[in-house]
Amino acid sequence: MPKDNVIFDNVQSMELRESLLIMRAITHPLRLKIISFIDKHRSVSVHKLYTGLNLDQSIASQQLHILRSANLVRTQREGKFVYYQINYNTLARVNGLIEEFRKK
């Protein structure tokens, strides 16, 4: 196999893994609720998130970890508080991939 194909296959594999991580993150009903809640409030502390959605702190933290791993949310630290915002660039990329898939 030519060297260029190996590099190309590795890039495709990395993109596929990243896409799968993102799709796994956004197909969960609770994570969709969290994304919607953050979007509505623009910037949300963990405390506001779990009290606003009536979740256990551990569940909220676990779901936020998955969303962070998929690069769907960004964090901003202000003192001892961490605030979450939607990473709209990742969502736009996902929407673009879905549109490409629809065309095929």
PDB file of N, CA and C in Angstrom:
ATOM      1  N   MET A   1       0.850  -1.176   0.000  1.00  0.00           N
ATOM      2  CA  MET A   1       0.000   0.000   0.000  1.00  0.00           C
ATOM      3  C   MET A   1       0.898   1.242   0.000  1.00  0.00           C
ATOM      4  N   PRO A   2       0.642   2.212  -0.896  1.00  0.00           N
ATOM      5  CA  PRO A   2       1.448   3.433  -0.905  1.00  0.00           C
ATOM      6  C   PRO A   2       1.331   4.189   0.407  1.00  0.00           C
ATOM      7  N   LYS A   3       2.399   4.892   0.727  1.00  0.00           N
ATOM      8  CA  LYS A   3       2.469   5.621   1.993  1.00  0.00           C
ATOM      9  C   LYS A   3       1.338   6.637   2.142  1.00  0.00           C
ATOM     10  N   ASP A   4       0.960   7.328   1.050  1.00  0.00           N
ATOM     11  CA  ASP A   4      -0.107   8.329   1.107  1.00  0.00           C
ATOM     12  C   ASP A   4      -1.428   7.725   1.568  1.00  0.00           C
ATOM     13  N   ASN A   5      -1.730   6.507   1.135  1.00  0.00           N
ATOM     14  CA  ASN A   5      -2.983   5.859   1.531  1.00  0.00           C
ATOM     15  C   ASN A   5      -3.019   5.557   3.027  1.00  0.00           C
ATOM     16  N   VAL A   6      -1.857   5.190   3.587  1.00  0.00           N
ATOM     17  CA  VAL A   6      -1.799   4.910   5.023  1.00  0.00           C
ATOM     18  C   VAL A   6      -2.134   6.178   5.800  1.00  0.00           C
ATOM     19  N   ILE A   7      -1.548   7.307   5.401  1.00  0.00           N
ATOM     20  CA  ILE A   7      -1.838   8.579   6.072  1.00  0.00           C
ATOM     21  C   ILE A   7      -3.306   8.923   5.906  1.00  0.00           C
ATOM     22  N   PHE A   8      -3.830   8.780   4.692  1.00  0.00           N
ATOM     23  CA  PHE A   8      -5.230   9.097   4.426  1.00  0.00           C
ATOM     24  C   PHE A   8      -6.149   8.213   5.259  1.00  0.00           C
ATOM     25  N   ASP A   9      -5.845   6.913   5.327  1.00  0.00           N
ATOM     26  CA  ASP A   9      -6.660   5.991   6.119  1.00  0.00           C
ATOM     27  C   ASP A   9      -6.634   6.374   7.595  1.00  0.00           C
ATOM     28  N   ASN A  10      -5.466   6.781   8.109  1.00  0.00           N
ATOM     29  CA  ASN A  10      -5.363   7.194   9.506  1.00  0.00           C
ATOM     30  C   ASN A  10      -6.196   8.437   9.772  1.00  0.00           C
ATOM     31  N   VAL A  11      -6.187   9.397   8.844  1.00  0.00           N
ATOM     32  CA  VAL A  11      -6.988  10.613   9.000  1.00  0.00           C
ATOM     33  C   VAL A  11      -8.460  10.252   9.008  1.00  0.00           C
ATOM     34  N   GLN A  12      -8.884   9.415   8.073  1.00  0.00           N
ATOM     35  CA  GLN A  12     -10.281   8.997   8.030  1.00  0.00           C
ATOM     36  C   GLN A  12     -10.670   8.282   9.315  1.00  0.00           C
ATOM     37  N   SER A  13      -9.795   7.427   9.805  1.00  0.00           N
ATOM     38  CA  SER A  13     -10.068   6.687  11.030  1.00  0.00           C
ATOM     39  C   SER A  13     -10.220   7.639  12.217  1.00  0.00           C
ATOM     40  N   MET A  14      -9.344   8.650  12.298  1.00  0.00           N
ATOM     41  CA  MET A  14      -9.428   9.622  13.392  1.00  0.00           C
ATOM     42  C   MET A  14     -10.729  10.416  13.292  1.00  0.00           C
ATOM     43  N   GLU A  15     -11.097  10.846  12.087  1.00  0.00           N
ATOM     44  CA  GLU A  15     -12.335  11.592  11.903  1.00  0.00           C
ATOM     45  C   GLU A  15     -13.545  10.727  12.244  1.00  0.00           C
ATOM     46  N   LEU A  16     -13.483   9.469  11.877  1.00  0.00           N
ATOM     47  CA  LEU A  16     -14.579   8.557  12.182  1.00  0.00           C
ATOM     48  C   LEU A  16     -14.737   8.376  13.685  1.00  0.00           C
ATOM     49  N   ARG A  17     -13.608   8.179  14.395  1.00  0.00           N
ATOM     50  CA  ARG A  17     -13.674   8.030  15.851  1.00  0.00           C
ATOM     51  C   ARG A  17     -14.241   9.290  16.500  1.00  0.00           C
ATOM     52  N   GLU A  18     -13.782  10.445  16.040  1.00  0.00           N
ATOM     53  CA  GLU A  18     -14.280  11.713  16.588  1.00  0.00           C
ATOM     54  C   GLU A  18     -15.767  11.868  16.300  1.00  0.00           C
ATOM     55  N   SER A  19     -16.192  11.537  15.093  1.00  0.00           N
ATOM     56  CA  SER A  19     -17.609  11.632  14.733  1.00  0.00           C
ATOM     57  C   SER A  19     -18.461  10.694  15.579  1.00  0.00           C
ATOM     58  N   LEU A  20     -17.963   9.497  15.815  1.00  0.00           N
ATOM     59  CA  LEU A  20     -18.702   8.541  16.645  1.00  0.00           C
ATOM     60  C   LEU A  20     -18.841   9.052  18.080  1.00  0.00           C
ATOM     61  N   LEU A  21     -17.793   9.644  18.607  1.00  0.00           N
ATOM     62  CA  LEU A  21     -17.831  10.204  19.956  1.00  0.00           C
ATOM     63  C   LEU A  21     -18.880  11.319  20.040  1.00  0.00           C
ATOM     64  N   ILE A  22     -18.893  12.175  19.035  1.00  0.00           N
ATOM     65  CA  ILE A  22     -19.869  13.273  19.004  1.00  0.00           C
ATOM     66  C   ILE A  22     -21.281  12.727  18.883  1.00  0.00           C
ATOM     67  N   MET A  23     -21.498  11.787  17.980  1.00  0.00           N
ATOM     68  CA  MET A  23     -22.848  11.235  17.789  1.00  0.00           C
ATOM     69  C   MET A  23     -23.325  10.514  19.047  1.00  0.00           C
ATOM     70  N   ARG A  24     -22.423   9.800  19.703  1.00  0.00           N
ATOM     71  CA  ARG A  24     -22.792   9.128  20.955  1.00  0.00           C
ATOM     72  C   ARG A  24     -23.212  10.154  21.996  1.00  0.00           C
ATOM     73  N   ALA A  25     -22.503  11.254  22.030  1.00  0.00           N
ATOM     74  CA  ALA A  25     -22.795  12.289  23.030  1.00  0.00           C
ATOM     75  C   ALA A  25     -24.140  12.959  22.780  1.00  0.00           C
ATOM     76  N   ILE A  26     -24.482  13.207  21.531  1.00  0.00           N
ATOM     77  CA  ILE A  26     -25.710  13.965  21.270  1.00  0.00           C
ATOM     78  C   ILE A  26     -26.957  13.095  21.121  1.00  0.00           C
ATOM     79  N   THR A  27     -26.804  11.787  21.127  1.00  0.00           N
ATOM     80  CA  THR A  27     -27.987  10.938  20.987  1.00  0.00           C
ATOM     81  C   THR A  27     -28.593  10.522  22.323  1.00  0.00           C
ATOM     82  N   HIS A  28     -28.027  10.955  23.402  1.00  0.00           N
ATOM     83  CA  HIS A  28     -28.531  10.606  24.727  1.00  0.00           C
ATOM     84  C   HIS A  28     -29.538  11.673  25.177  1.00  0.00           C
ATOM     85  N   PRO A  29     -30.752  11.298  25.579  1.00  0.00           N
ATOM     86  CA  PRO A  29     -31.775  12.284  25.941  1.00  0.00           C
ATOM     87  C   PRO A  29     -31.355  13.261  27.041  1.00  0.00           C
ATOM     88  N   LEU A  30     -30.664  12.777  28.058  1.00  0.00           N
ATOM     89  CA  LEU A  30     -30.249  13.671  29.142  1.00  0.00           C
ATOM     90  C   LEU A  30     -29.199  14.671  28.654  1.00  0.00           C
ATOM     91  N   ARG A  31     -28.284  14.205  27.821  1.00  0.00           N
ATOM     92  CA  ARG A  31     -27.270  15.125  27.300  1.00  0.00           C
ATOM     93  C   ARG A  31     -27.900  16.161  26.373  1.00  0.00           C
ATOM     94  N   LEU A  32     -28.922  15.774  25.639  1.00  0.00           N
ATOM     95  CA  LEU A  32     -29.640  16.755  24.815  1.00  0.00           C
ATOM     96  C   LEU A  32     -30.315  17.804  25.687  1.00  0.00           C
ATOM     97  N   LYS A  33     -30.875  17.376  26.813  1.00  0.00           N
ATOM     98  CA  LYS A  33     -31.472  18.322  27.772  1.00  0.00           C
ATOM     99  C   LYS A  33     -30.412  19.283  28.305  1.00  0.00           C
ATOM    100  N   ILE A  34     -29.254  18.740  28.621  1.00  0.00           N
ATOM    101  CA  ILE A  34     -28.162  19.563  29.151  1.00  0.00           C
ATOM    102  C   ILE A  34     -27.716  20.573  28.100  1.00  0.00           C
ATOM    103  N   ILE A  35     -27.538  20.125  26.866  1.00  0.00           N
ATOM    104  CA  ILE A  35     -27.142  21.027  25.782  1.00  0.00           C
ATOM    105  C   ILE A  35     -28.180  22.136  25.619  1.00  0.00           C
ATOM    106  N   SER A  36     -29.443  21.769  25.628  1.00  0.00           N
ATOM    107  CA  SER A  36     -30.515  22.753  25.492  1.00  0.00           C
ATOM    108  C   SER A  36     -30.508  23.756  26.648  1.00  0.00           C
ATOM    109  N   PHE A  37     -30.302  23.258  27.859  1.00  0.00           N
ATOM    110  CA  PHE A  37     -30.265  24.122  29.049  1.00  0.00           C
ATOM    111  C   PHE A  37     -29.099  25.112  28.961  1.00  0.00           C
ATOM    112  N   ILE A  38     -27.942  24.615  28.577  1.00  0.00           N
ATOM    113  CA  ILE A  38     -26.777  25.500  28.448  1.00  0.00           C
ATOM    114  C   ILE A  38     -27.014  26.519  27.340  1.00  0.00           C
ATOM    115  N   ASP A  39     -27.566  26.069  26.229  1.00  0.00           N
ATOM    116  CA  ASP A  39     -27.841  26.981  25.115  1.00  0.00           C
ATOM    117  C   ASP A  39     -28.800  28.092  25.543  1.00  0.00           C
ATOM    118  N   LYS A  40     -29.813  27.731  26.285  1.00  0.00           N
ATOM    119  CA  LYS A  40     -30.808  28.708  26.750  1.00  0.00           C
ATOM    120  C   LYS A  40     -30.175  29.763  27.658  1.00  0.00           C
ATOM    121  N   HIS A  41     -29.249  29.335  28.504  1.00  0.00           N
ATOM    122  CA  HIS A  41     -28.648  30.250  29.487  1.00  0.00           C
ATOM    123  C   HIS A  41     -27.303  30.816  29.041  1.00  0.00           C
ATOM    124  N   ARG A  42     -26.790  30.371  27.915  1.00  0.00           N
ATOM    125  CA  ARG A  42     -25.512  30.821  27.335  1.00  0.00           C
ATOM    126  C   ARG A  42     -24.282  30.391  28.114  1.00  0.00           C
ATOM    127  N   SER A  43     -24.283  30.533  29.424  1.00  0.00           N
ATOM    128  CA  SER A  43     -23.156  30.144  30.271  1.00  0.00           C
ATOM    129  C   SER A  43     -23.731  29.661  31.594  1.00  0.00           C
ATOM    130  N   VAL A  44     -23.364  28.442  31.985  1.00  0.00           N
ATOM    131  CA  VAL A  44     -23.997  27.809  33.148  1.00  0.00           C
ATOM    132  C   VAL A  44     -22.939  27.186  34.051  1.00  0.00           C
ATOM    133  N   SER A  45     -23.065  27.443  35.350  1.00  0.00           N
ATOM    134  CA  SER A  45     -22.202  26.753  36.311  1.00  0.00           C
ATOM    135  C   SER A  45     -22.758  25.346  36.529  1.00  0.00           C
ATOM    136  N   VAL A  46     -21.924  24.468  37.029  1.00  0.00           N
ATOM    137  CA  VAL A  46     -22.368  23.103  37.306  1.00  0.00           C
ATOM    138  C   VAL A  46     -23.527  23.128  38.302  1.00  0.00           C
ATOM    139  N   HIS A  47     -23.412  23.961  39.315  1.00  0.00           N
ATOM    140  CA  HIS A  47     -24.467  24.057  40.329  1.00  0.00           C
ATOM    141  C   HIS A  47     -25.800  24.471  39.700  1.00  0.00           C
ATOM    142  N   LYS A  48     -25.775  25.484  38.865  1.00  0.00           N
ATOM    143  CA  LYS A  48     -27.012  25.933  38.205  1.00  0.00           C
ATOM    144  C   LYS A  48     -27.571  24.841  37.306  1.00  0.00           C
ATOM    145  N   LEU A  49     -26.692  24.104  36.666  1.00  0.00           N
ATOM    146  CA  LEU A  49     -27.130  23.034  35.778  1.00  0.00           C
ATOM    147  C   LEU A  49     -27.830  21.927  36.546  1.00  0.00           C
ATOM    148  N   TYR A  50     -27.186  21.420  37.589  1.00  0.00           N
ATOM    149  CA  TYR A  50     -27.816  20.281  38.267  1.00  0.00           C
ATOM    150  C   TYR A  50     -29.031  20.691  39.094  1.00  0.00           C
ATOM    151  N   THR A  51     -29.066  21.921  39.602  1.00  0.00           N
ATOM    152  CA  THR A  51     -30.281  22.349  40.312  1.00  0.00           C
ATOM    153  C   THR A  51     -31.387  22.684  39.319  1.00  0.00           C
ATOM    154  N   GLY A  52     -31.026  23.299  38.197  1.00  0.00           N
ATOM    155  CA  GLY A  52     -32.026  23.663  37.186  1.00  0.00           C
ATOM    156  C   GLY A  52     -32.667  22.468  36.518  1.00  0.00           C
ATOM    157  N   LEU A  53     -31.917  21.388  36.378  1.00  0.00           N
ATOM    158  CA  LEU A  53     -32.448  20.176  35.751  1.00  0.00           C
ATOM    159  C   LEU A  53     -32.818  19.099  36.765  1.00  0.00           C
ATOM    160  N   ASN A  54     -32.677  19.435  38.047  1.00  0.00           N
ATOM    161  CA  ASN A  54     -33.014  18.508  39.122  1.00  0.00           C
ATOM    162  C   ASN A  54     -32.257  17.177  38.992  1.00  0.00           C
ATOM    163  N   LEU A  55     -30.928  17.285  38.878  1.00  0.00           N
ATOM    164  CA  LEU A  55     -30.061  16.114  38.741  1.00  0.00           C
ATOM    165  C   LEU A  55     -29.170  15.984  39.958  1.00  0.00           C
ATOM    166  N   ASP A  56     -28.689  14.775  40.200  1.00  0.00           N
ATOM    167  CA  ASP A  56     -27.623  14.592  41.179  1.00  0.00           C
ATOM    168  C   ASP A  56     -26.361  15.213  40.597  1.00  0.00           C
ATOM    169  N   GLN A  57     -25.540  15.780  41.460  1.00  0.00           N
ATOM    170  CA  GLN A  57     -24.310  16.411  40.992  1.00  0.00           C
ATOM    171  C   GLN A  57     -23.422  15.417  40.243  1.00  0.00           C
ATOM    172  N   SER A  58     -23.346  14.195  40.742  1.00  0.00           N
ATOM    173  CA  SER A  58     -22.481  13.194  40.100  1.00  0.00           C
ATOM    174  C   SER A  58     -22.963  12.865  38.687  1.00  0.00           C
ATOM    175  N   ILE A  59     -24.265  12.802  38.495  1.00  0.00           N
ATOM    176  CA  ILE A  59     -24.813  12.520  37.156  1.00  0.00           C
ATOM    177  C   ILE A  59     -24.521  13.678  36.220  1.00  0.00           C
ATOM    178  N   ALA A  60     -24.733  14.907  36.695  1.00  0.00           N
ATOM    179  CA  ALA A  60     -24.443  16.084  35.872  1.00  0.00           C
ATOM    180  C   ALA A  60     -22.970  16.101  35.477  1.00  0.00           C
ATOM    181  N   SER A  61     -22.092  15.843  36.422  1.00  0.00           N
ATOM    182  CA  SER A  61     -20.655  15.851  36.142  1.00  0.00           C
ATOM    183  C   SER A  61     -20.271  14.777  35.130  1.00  0.00           C
ATOM    184  N   GLN A  62     -20.864  13.600  35.269  1.00  0.00           N
ATOM    185  CA  GLN A  62     -20.580  12.504  34.347  1.00  0.00           C
ATOM    186  C   GLN A  62     -21.015  12.875  32.924  1.00  0.00           C
ATOM    187  N   GLN A  63     -22.196  13.443  32.786  1.00  0.00           N
ATOM    188  CA  GLN A  63     -22.698  13.811  31.465  1.00  0.00           C
ATOM    189  C   GLN A  63     -21.889  14.963  30.866  1.00  0.00           C
ATOM    190  N   LEU A  64     -21.501  15.916  31.694  1.00  0.00           N
ATOM    191  CA  LEU A  64     -20.673  17.028  31.216  1.00  0.00           C
ATOM    192  C   LEU A  64     -19.304  16.534  30.753  1.00  0.00           C
ATOM    193  N   HIS A  65     -18.778  15.533  31.429  1.00  0.00           N
ATOM    194  CA  HIS A  65     -17.493  14.948  31.014  1.00  0.00           C
ATOM    195  C   HIS A  65     -17.603  14.378  29.603  1.00  0.00           C
ATOM    196  N   ILE A  66     -18.678  13.687  29.325  1.00  0.00           N
ATOM    197  CA  ILE A  66     -18.888  13.113  27.984  1.00  0.00           C
ATOM    198  C   ILE A  66     -19.018  14.227  26.946  1.00  0.00           C
ATOM    199  N   LEU A  67     -19.759  15.282  27.281  1.00  0.00           N
ATOM    200  CA  LEU A  67     -19.920  16.406  26.358  1.00  0.00           C
ATOM    201  C   LEU A  67     -18.593  17.132  26.124  1.00  0.00           C
ATOM    202  N   ARG A  68     -17.787  17.251  27.168  1.00  0.00           N
ATOM    203  CA  ARG A  68     -16.457  17.867  27.014  1.00  0.00           C
ATOM    204  C   ARG A  68     -15.563  16.996  26.142  1.00  0.00           C
ATOM    205  N   SER A  69     -15.600  15.689  26.360  1.00  0.00           N
ATOM    206  CA  SER A  69     -14.782  14.757  25.575  1.00  0.00           C
ATOM    207  C   SER A  69     -15.133  14.823  24.092  1.00  0.00           C
ATOM    208  N   ALA A  70     -16.386  15.079  23.800  1.00  0.00           N
ATOM    209  CA  ALA A  70     -16.838  15.192  22.414  1.00  0.00           C
ATOM    210  C   ALA A  70     -16.663  16.613  21.875  1.00  0.00           C
ATOM    211  N   ASN A  71     -16.121  17.489  22.685  1.00  0.00           N
ATOM    212  CA  ASN A  71     -15.877  18.884  22.309  1.00  0.00           C
ATOM    213  C   ASN A  71     -17.179  19.641  21.990  1.00  0.00           C
ATOM    214  N   LEU A  72     -18.259  19.229  22.626  1.00  0.00           N
ATOM    215  CA  LEU A  72     -19.553  19.896  22.412  1.00  0.00           C
ATOM    216  C   LEU A  72     -19.771  21.058  23.368  1.00  0.00           C
ATOM    217  N   VAL A  73     -19.029  21.073  24.468  1.00  0.00           N
ATOM    218  CA  VAL A  73     -19.099  22.201  25.398  1.00  0.00           C
ATOM    219  C   VAL A  73     -17.685  22.677  25.709  1.00  0.00           C
ATOM    220  N   ARG A  74     -17.587  23.950  26.051  1.00  0.00           N
ATOM    221  CA  ARG A  74     -16.325  24.556  26.469  1.00  0.00           C
ATOM    222  C   ARG A  74     -16.485  24.961  27.925  1.00  0.00           C
ATOM    223  N   THR A  75     -15.363  25.075  28.610  1.00  0.00           N
ATOM    224  CA  THR A  75     -15.409  25.519  29.998  1.00  0.00           C
ATOM    225  C   THR A  75     -14.642  26.819  30.154  1.00  0.00           C
ATOM    226  N   GLN A  76     -15.066  27.581  31.140  1.00  0.00           N
ATOM    227  CA  GLN A  76     -14.388  28.815  31.508  1.00  0.00           C
ATOM    228  C   GLN A  76     -14.380  28.888  33.023  1.00  0.00           C
ATOM    229  N   ARG A  77     -13.184  29.003  33.572  1.00  0.00           N
ATOM    230  CA  ARG A  77     -13.056  29.067  35.022  1.00  0.00           C
ATOM    231  C   ARG A  77     -13.037  30.523  35.455  1.00  0.00           C
ATOM    232  N   GLU A  78     -13.849  30.811  36.477  1.00  0.00           N
ATOM    233  CA  GLU A  78     -13.861  32.127  37.115  1.00  0.00           C
ATOM    234  C   GLU A  78     -13.752  31.888  38.616  1.00  0.00           C
ATOM    235  N   GLY A  79     -12.549  32.052  39.133  1.00  0.00           N
ATOM    236  CA  GLY A  79     -12.308  31.756  40.539  1.00  0.00           C
ATOM    237  C   GLY A  79     -12.483  30.275  40.785  1.00  0.00           C
ATOM    238  N   LYS A  80     -13.341  29.940  41.749  1.00  0.00           N
ATOM    239  CA  LYS A  80     -13.560  28.518  42.039  1.00  0.00           C
ATOM    240  C   LYS A  80     -14.713  27.918  41.236  1.00  0.00           C
ATOM    241  N   PHE A  81     -15.341  28.715  40.388  1.00  0.00           N
ATOM    242  CA  PHE A  81     -16.479  28.235  39.604  1.00  0.00           C
ATOM    243  C   PHE A  81     -16.063  27.918  38.170  1.00  0.00           C
ATOM    244  N   VAL A  82     -16.665  26.869  37.620  1.00  0.00           N
ATOM    245  CA  VAL A  82     -16.464  26.499  36.221  1.00  0.00           C
ATOM    246  C   VAL A  82     -17.794  26.699  35.506  1.00  0.00           C
ATOM    247  N   TYR A  83     -17.740  27.424  34.403  1.00  0.00           N
ATOM    248  CA  TYR A  83     -18.937  27.693  33.613  1.00  0.00           C
ATOM    249  C   TYR A  83     -18.827  26.954  32.280  1.00  0.00           C
ATOM    250  N   TYR A  84     -19.969  26.447  31.830  1.00  0.00           N
ATOM    251  CA  TYR A  84     -20.035  25.703  30.579  1.00  0.00           C
ATOM    252  C   TYR A  84     -20.767  26.515  29.533  1.00  0.00           C
ATOM    253  N   GLN A  85     -20.220  26.489  28.306  1.00  0.00           N
ATOM    254  CA  GLN A  85     -20.871  27.099  27.150  1.00  0.00           C
ATOM    255  C   GLN A  85     -20.874  26.066  26.014  1.00  0.00           C
ATOM    256  N   ILE A  86     -21.813  26.232  25.115  1.00  0.00           N
ATOM    257  CA  ILE A  86     -21.886  25.352  23.950  1.00  0.00           C
ATOM    258  C   ILE A  86     -20.734  25.684  23.011  1.00  0.00           C
ATOM    259  N   ASN A  87     -20.127  24.674  22.447  1.00  0.00           N
ATOM    260  CA  ASN A  87     -19.133  24.865  21.399  1.00  0.00           C
ATOM    261  C   ASN A  87     -19.887  24.793  20.065  1.00  0.00           C
ATOM    262  N   TYR A  88     -20.319  25.952  19.600  1.00  0.00           N
ATOM    263  CA  TYR A  88     -21.140  26.017  18.394  1.00  0.00           C
ATOM    264  C   TYR A  88     -20.373  25.592  17.145  1.00  0.00           C
ATOM    265  N   ASN A  89     -19.052  25.702  17.156  1.00  0.00           N
ATOM    266  CA  ASN A  89     -18.259  25.250  16.005  1.00  0.00           C
ATOM    267  C   ASN A  89     -18.405  23.745  15.804  1.00  0.00           C
ATOM    268  N   THR A  90     -18.376  22.997  16.888  1.00  0.00           N
ATOM    269  CA  THR A  90     -18.538  21.537  16.785  1.00  0.00           C
ATOM    270  C   THR A  90     -19.949  21.200  16.313  1.00  0.00           C
ATOM    271  N   LEU A  91     -20.958  21.879  16.837  1.00  0.00           N
ATOM    272  CA  LEU A  91     -22.328  21.617  16.399  1.00  0.00           C
ATOM    273  C   LEU A  91     -22.513  21.943  14.927  1.00  0.00           C
ATOM    274  N   ALA A  92     -21.894  23.009  14.458  1.00  0.00           N
ATOM    275  CA  ALA A  92     -21.981  23.371  13.042  1.00  0.00           C
ATOM    276  C   ALA A  92     -21.325  22.295  12.178  1.00  0.00           C
ATOM    277  N   ARG A  93     -20.191  21.764  12.652  1.00  0.00           N
ATOM    278  CA  ARG A  93     -19.519  20.695  11.928  1.00  0.00           C
ATOM    279  C   ARG A  93     -20.391  19.443  11.858  1.00  0.00           C
ATOM    280  N   VAL A  94     -21.045  19.114  12.959  1.00  0.00           N
ATOM    281  CA  VAL A  94     -21.939  17.950  12.987  1.00  0.00           C
ATOM    282  C   VAL A  94     -23.090  18.160  12.013  1.00  0.00           C
ATOM    283  N   ASN A  95     -23.675  19.350  12.034  1.00  0.00           N
ATOM    284  CA  ASN A  95     -24.766  19.647  11.098  1.00  0.00           C
ATOM    285  C   ASN A  95     -24.300  19.506   9.653  1.00  0.00           C
ATOM    286  N   GLY A  96     -23.088  19.968   9.369  1.00  0.00           N
ATOM    287  CA  GLY A  96     -22.534  19.838   8.025  1.00  0.00           C
ATOM    288  C   GLY A  96     -22.354  18.388   7.616  1.00  0.00           C
ATOM    289  N   LEU A  97     -21.865  17.568   8.535  1.00  0.00           N
ATOM    290  CA  LEU A  97     -21.694  16.138   8.243  1.00  0.00           C
ATOM    291  C   LEU A  97     -23.036  15.465   7.985  1.00  0.00           C
ATOM    292  N   ILE A  98     -24.032  15.836   8.771  1.00  0.00           N
ATOM    293  CA  ILE A  98     -25.370  15.256   8.581  1.00  0.00           C
ATOM    294  C   ILE A  98     -25.937  15.657   7.224  1.00  0.00           C
ATOM    295  N   GLU A  99     -25.751  16.903   6.829  1.00  0.00           N
ATOM    296  CA  GLU A  99     -26.229  17.368   5.534  1.00  0.00           C
ATOM    297  C   GLU A  99     -25.510  16.625   4.389  1.00  0.00           C
ATOM    298  N   GLU A 100     -24.206  16.415   4.543  1.00  0.00           N
ATOM    299  CA  GLU A 100     -23.466  15.655   3.537  1.00  0.00           C
ATOM    300  C   GLU A 100     -24.018  14.248   3.421  1.00  0.00           C
ATOM    301  N   PHE A 101     -24.302  13.628   4.554  1.00  0.00           N
ATOM    302  CA  PHE A 101     -24.838  12.274   4.571  1.00  0.00           C
ATOM    303  C   PHE A 101     -26.206  12.225   3.888  1.00  0.00           C
ATOM    304  N   ARG A 102     -27.037  13.227   4.148  1.00  0.00           N
ATOM    305  CA  ARG A 102     -28.381  13.278   3.544  1.00  0.00           C
ATOM    306  C   ARG A 102     -28.312  13.338   2.021  1.00  0.00           C
ATOM    307  N   LYS A 103     -27.316  14.026   1.495  1.00  0.00           N
ATOM    308  CA  LYS A 103     -27.177  14.193   0.049  1.00  0.00           C
ATOM    309  C   LYS A 103     -26.778  12.903  -0.658  1.00  0.00           C
ATOM    310  N   LYS A 104     -26.168  11.973   0.088  1.00  0.00           N
ATOM    311  CA  LYS A 104     -25.687  10.722  -0.541  1.00  0.00           C
ATOM    312  C   LYS A 104     -26.749   9.725  -0.740  1.00  0.00           C
TER     313      LYS A 104
END
